[in-house]
N, C-alpha and C. Protein backbone atom coordinates (compact mmCIF):
# COMPACT_ATOMS: atom_id res chain seq x y z
N UNK A 1 2.64 89.16 -0.85
CA UNK A 1 2.46 87.96 -0.33
C UNK A 1 2.74 87.68 1.01
N UNK A 2 2.06 87.17 1.68
CA UNK A 2 2.24 87.17 3.25
C UNK A 2 3.35 86.20 3.49
N UNK A 3 4.00 86.52 4.84
CA UNK A 3 5.22 85.74 5.17
C UNK A 3 4.79 85.01 6.27
N UNK A 4 3.73 85.13 7.13
CA UNK A 4 3.52 84.43 8.22
C UNK A 4 2.40 83.43 7.82
N UNK A 5 2.96 82.04 8.35
CA UNK A 5 2.21 80.65 8.17
C UNK A 5 1.58 80.38 9.39
N UNK A 6 0.46 80.30 9.58
CA UNK A 6 -0.39 79.81 11.00
C UNK A 6 -0.30 78.30 10.87
N UNK A 7 0.21 77.83 12.12
CA UNK A 7 0.59 76.31 11.97
C UNK A 7 -0.61 75.97 12.73
N UNK A 8 -0.81 76.37 14.03
CA UNK A 8 -1.84 75.85 14.99
C UNK A 8 -2.24 76.97 15.81
N UNK A 9 -3.47 77.33 16.09
CA UNK A 9 -3.77 78.32 17.10
C UNK A 9 -3.04 79.65 16.86
N UNK A 10 -2.50 80.21 17.71
CA UNK A 10 -1.66 81.40 17.70
C UNK A 10 -0.11 81.18 17.37
N UNK A 11 0.13 79.93 16.86
CA UNK A 11 1.60 79.66 16.52
C UNK A 11 1.74 79.87 14.94
N UNK A 12 2.81 80.73 14.62
CA UNK A 12 2.92 81.11 13.16
C UNK A 12 4.61 80.92 13.08
N UNK A 13 4.82 80.68 11.69
CA UNK A 13 6.33 80.68 11.20
C UNK A 13 6.35 81.56 10.11
N UNK A 14 7.59 82.50 10.17
CA UNK A 14 7.93 83.44 9.20
C UNK A 14 8.46 82.39 8.06
N UNK A 15 7.91 82.43 6.84
CA UNK A 15 8.25 81.53 5.98
C UNK A 15 9.55 81.97 5.08
N UNK A 16 10.02 83.34 5.45
CA UNK A 16 11.41 83.66 4.85
C UNK A 16 12.38 82.87 5.58
N UNK A 17 12.02 82.38 6.94
CA UNK A 17 13.12 81.62 7.60
C UNK A 17 13.06 80.12 7.27
N UNK A 18 12.23 79.46 6.28
CA UNK A 18 12.08 78.18 5.96
C UNK A 18 13.41 77.77 5.15
N UNK A 19 14.20 76.87 5.57
CA UNK A 19 15.41 76.65 4.80
C UNK A 19 15.29 75.20 3.79
N UNK A 20 14.42 74.35 4.37
CA UNK A 20 13.94 73.26 3.73
C UNK A 20 12.71 72.85 4.28
N UNK A 21 12.08 71.97 3.49
CA UNK A 21 10.92 71.20 3.86
C UNK A 21 10.57 69.96 2.99
N UNK A 22 9.94 69.09 3.90
CA UNK A 22 9.64 67.55 3.33
C UNK A 22 8.23 67.24 3.71
N UNK A 23 7.89 66.08 3.01
CA UNK A 23 6.35 65.89 3.50
C UNK A 23 6.18 64.75 2.69
N UNK A 24 5.25 63.91 3.46
CA UNK A 24 4.51 62.52 2.95
C UNK A 24 3.14 62.68 3.24
N UNK A 25 2.46 61.67 2.99
CA UNK A 25 0.87 61.76 2.95
C UNK A 25 0.31 62.43 4.11
N UNK A 26 1.03 61.97 5.22
CA UNK A 26 0.52 62.26 6.59
C UNK A 26 1.35 63.26 7.64
N UNK A 27 2.47 63.73 7.07
CA UNK A 27 3.14 64.47 7.83
C UNK A 27 3.97 65.61 6.98
N UNK A 28 4.55 66.59 7.58
CA UNK A 28 5.40 67.79 7.20
C UNK A 28 6.60 68.21 8.16
N UNK A 29 7.61 68.26 7.55
CA UNK A 29 8.99 68.55 8.40
C UNK A 29 9.32 69.89 7.85
N UNK A 30 9.44 71.04 8.66
CA UNK A 30 9.87 72.45 8.09
C UNK A 30 11.14 72.54 9.06
N UNK A 31 12.30 73.00 8.42
CA UNK A 31 13.35 73.32 9.13
C UNK A 31 13.61 74.85 8.78
N UNK A 32 13.94 75.44 9.85
CA UNK A 32 13.75 77.09 9.94
C UNK A 32 15.28 77.50 10.38
N UNK A 33 15.65 78.58 10.16
CA UNK A 33 16.75 79.20 10.61
C UNK A 33 16.34 80.18 11.92
N UNK A 34 17.20 79.94 12.90
CA UNK A 34 16.95 80.71 14.24
C UNK A 34 18.18 81.46 14.44
N UNK A 35 18.46 82.65 15.19
CA UNK A 35 19.33 83.03 15.55
C UNK A 35 20.73 82.41 16.28
N UNK A 36 20.21 81.31 16.78
CA UNK A 36 21.29 80.61 17.47
C UNK A 36 21.41 78.87 16.97
N UNK A 37 20.96 78.82 15.51
CA UNK A 37 21.02 77.64 14.97
C UNK A 37 19.62 77.22 14.16
N UNK A 38 19.91 76.07 13.70
CA UNK A 38 18.54 75.70 12.72
C UNK A 38 17.47 74.91 13.97
N UNK A 39 16.35 74.90 13.34
CA UNK A 39 15.17 74.19 14.16
C UNK A 39 14.27 73.63 13.40
N UNK A 40 13.76 72.39 13.76
CA UNK A 40 12.97 71.59 12.82
C UNK A 40 11.44 71.51 13.49
N UNK A 41 10.56 71.71 12.72
CA UNK A 41 9.14 71.37 13.23
C UNK A 41 8.63 70.16 12.59
N UNK A 42 8.03 69.32 13.37
CA UNK A 42 7.39 68.19 12.64
C UNK A 42 5.91 68.33 12.73
N UNK A 43 5.05 68.36 11.96
CA UNK A 43 3.70 68.73 11.81
C UNK A 43 3.07 67.23 11.21
N UNK A 44 2.22 66.58 11.91
CA UNK A 44 1.53 65.33 11.61
C UNK A 44 -0.05 65.73 11.60
N UNK A 45 -0.76 64.90 10.81
CA UNK A 45 -2.15 64.71 10.84
C UNK A 45 -2.54 64.22 12.20
N UNK A 46 -3.61 64.88 12.69
CA UNK A 46 -3.97 64.31 14.01
C UNK A 46 -4.79 62.73 13.93
N UNK A 47 -4.97 62.38 12.63
CA UNK A 47 -5.28 61.04 12.46
C UNK A 47 -4.15 59.78 12.74
N UNK A 48 -3.13 60.29 12.64
CA UNK A 48 -1.89 59.44 13.09
C UNK A 48 -1.89 59.04 14.52
N UNK A 49 -2.07 57.68 14.87
CA UNK A 49 -2.29 57.36 16.12
C UNK A 49 -0.86 56.71 16.76
N UNK A 50 0.15 56.71 15.87
CA UNK A 50 1.43 56.18 16.22
C UNK A 50 1.98 57.11 17.33
N UNK A 51 2.09 56.67 18.64
CA UNK A 51 2.59 57.37 19.62
C UNK A 51 3.96 57.65 19.60
N UNK A 52 4.81 56.89 18.86
CA UNK A 52 6.03 57.08 18.69
C UNK A 52 6.61 58.26 17.73
N UNK A 53 5.53 58.74 16.95
CA UNK A 53 5.73 59.63 15.90
C UNK A 53 6.16 60.92 16.82
N UNK A 54 7.39 61.47 16.58
CA UNK A 54 7.87 62.76 17.18
C UNK A 54 7.28 63.77 16.23
N UNK A 55 6.56 64.71 16.97
CA UNK A 55 5.98 65.90 16.40
C UNK A 55 5.84 67.04 17.12
N UNK A 56 5.94 68.28 16.72
CA UNK A 56 5.91 69.52 17.19
C UNK A 56 4.34 69.88 17.45
N UNK A 57 3.51 69.54 16.31
CA UNK A 57 2.21 70.01 16.22
C UNK A 57 1.47 68.85 15.69
N UNK A 58 0.14 68.62 16.13
CA UNK A 58 -0.73 67.70 15.31
C UNK A 58 -1.87 68.65 14.82
N UNK A 59 -2.24 68.48 13.64
CA UNK A 59 -3.28 69.39 13.06
C UNK A 59 -4.23 68.59 12.28
N UNK A 60 -5.52 68.97 12.02
CA UNK A 60 -6.15 68.18 11.08
C UNK A 60 -5.63 67.94 9.68
N UNK A 61 -6.04 66.86 8.91
CA UNK A 61 -5.57 66.40 7.60
C UNK A 61 -5.74 67.72 6.74
N UNK A 62 -6.98 68.67 6.61
CA UNK A 62 -7.29 69.82 5.91
C UNK A 62 -6.29 70.72 6.40
N UNK A 63 -5.99 70.91 7.46
CA UNK A 63 -4.92 71.94 8.04
C UNK A 63 -3.59 71.56 7.39
N UNK A 64 -3.11 70.25 7.37
CA UNK A 64 -1.83 69.87 6.85
C UNK A 64 -1.62 70.19 5.60
N UNK A 65 -3.05 69.92 4.64
CA UNK A 65 -2.91 70.29 3.17
C UNK A 65 -2.78 71.61 2.87
N UNK A 66 -3.43 72.58 3.90
CA UNK A 66 -3.38 73.94 3.64
C UNK A 66 -1.75 74.31 3.88
N UNK A 67 -1.34 73.81 5.04
CA UNK A 67 0.17 74.40 5.19
C UNK A 67 1.02 73.89 3.98
N UNK A 68 0.83 72.68 3.53
CA UNK A 68 1.67 72.23 2.51
C UNK A 68 1.69 73.27 1.23
N UNK A 69 0.16 73.58 0.97
CA UNK A 69 -0.27 74.40 -0.41
C UNK A 69 0.39 75.76 -0.08
N UNK A 70 0.30 76.24 1.16
CA UNK A 70 0.77 77.61 1.36
C UNK A 70 2.33 77.75 1.15
N UNK A 71 3.08 76.77 1.74
CA UNK A 71 4.49 76.81 1.47
C UNK A 71 4.77 76.77 0.03
N UNK A 72 4.19 75.80 -0.74
CA UNK A 72 4.50 75.62 -2.21
C UNK A 72 4.20 76.72 -2.79
N UNK A 73 3.20 77.53 -2.58
CA UNK A 73 2.74 78.83 -3.28
C UNK A 73 3.85 79.73 -2.79
N UNK A 74 4.16 79.80 -1.61
CA UNK A 74 5.14 81.21 -1.26
C UNK A 74 6.53 80.62 -1.86
N UNK A 75 6.86 79.39 -2.00
CA UNK A 75 8.26 79.13 -2.57
C UNK A 75 8.30 79.08 -4.12
N UNK A 76 7.11 79.22 -4.79
CA UNK A 76 7.05 79.19 -6.21
C UNK A 76 7.27 77.73 -6.69
N UNK A 77 6.79 76.64 -5.76
CA UNK A 77 6.98 75.37 -6.36
C UNK A 77 5.67 74.77 -6.53
N UNK A 78 5.61 74.07 -7.76
CA UNK A 78 4.40 73.18 -8.23
C UNK A 78 4.08 72.12 -7.18
N UNK A 79 3.08 72.35 -6.35
CA UNK A 79 2.85 71.29 -5.46
C UNK A 79 2.57 70.02 -5.88
N UNK A 80 1.77 69.91 -7.16
CA UNK A 80 1.59 68.58 -7.83
C UNK A 80 2.90 67.96 -8.17
N UNK A 81 3.69 68.75 -8.77
CA UNK A 81 5.21 68.00 -9.14
C UNK A 81 5.76 67.60 -7.87
N UNK A 82 5.77 68.25 -6.54
CA UNK A 82 6.40 67.88 -5.31
C UNK A 82 5.63 66.56 -4.97
N UNK A 83 4.24 66.49 -5.01
CA UNK A 83 3.55 65.43 -4.59
C UNK A 83 3.89 64.08 -5.43
N UNK A 84 4.13 64.18 -6.54
CA UNK A 84 4.36 63.27 -7.74
C UNK A 84 5.69 62.66 -7.21
N UNK A 85 6.53 63.22 -6.49
CA UNK A 85 7.87 62.73 -6.25
C UNK A 85 7.76 62.00 -4.85
N UNK A 86 6.66 62.15 -4.13
CA UNK A 86 6.52 61.59 -2.79
C UNK A 86 5.96 60.05 -2.96
N UNK A 87 6.70 59.21 -2.39
CA UNK A 87 6.26 57.65 -2.55
C UNK A 87 5.40 57.33 -1.36
């Protein structure tokens, strides 16, 4: 199974380094381990117009769904089960 998760362009995250992730309809937060501490990436759908939304990357809605799906598959988590818990 692949370990590299393409976020945007030539930016990838090693999925072995993901320690937690959470999402809602229009955004995703990924926390990873770095050698000097933890780092969080905030990924939001580009349809979000809220300028106050703190984010690392803006992607299309389809790309956001792809990223969520790939993380769920890699982690062995049923995405539908995770989606049903999102309010």
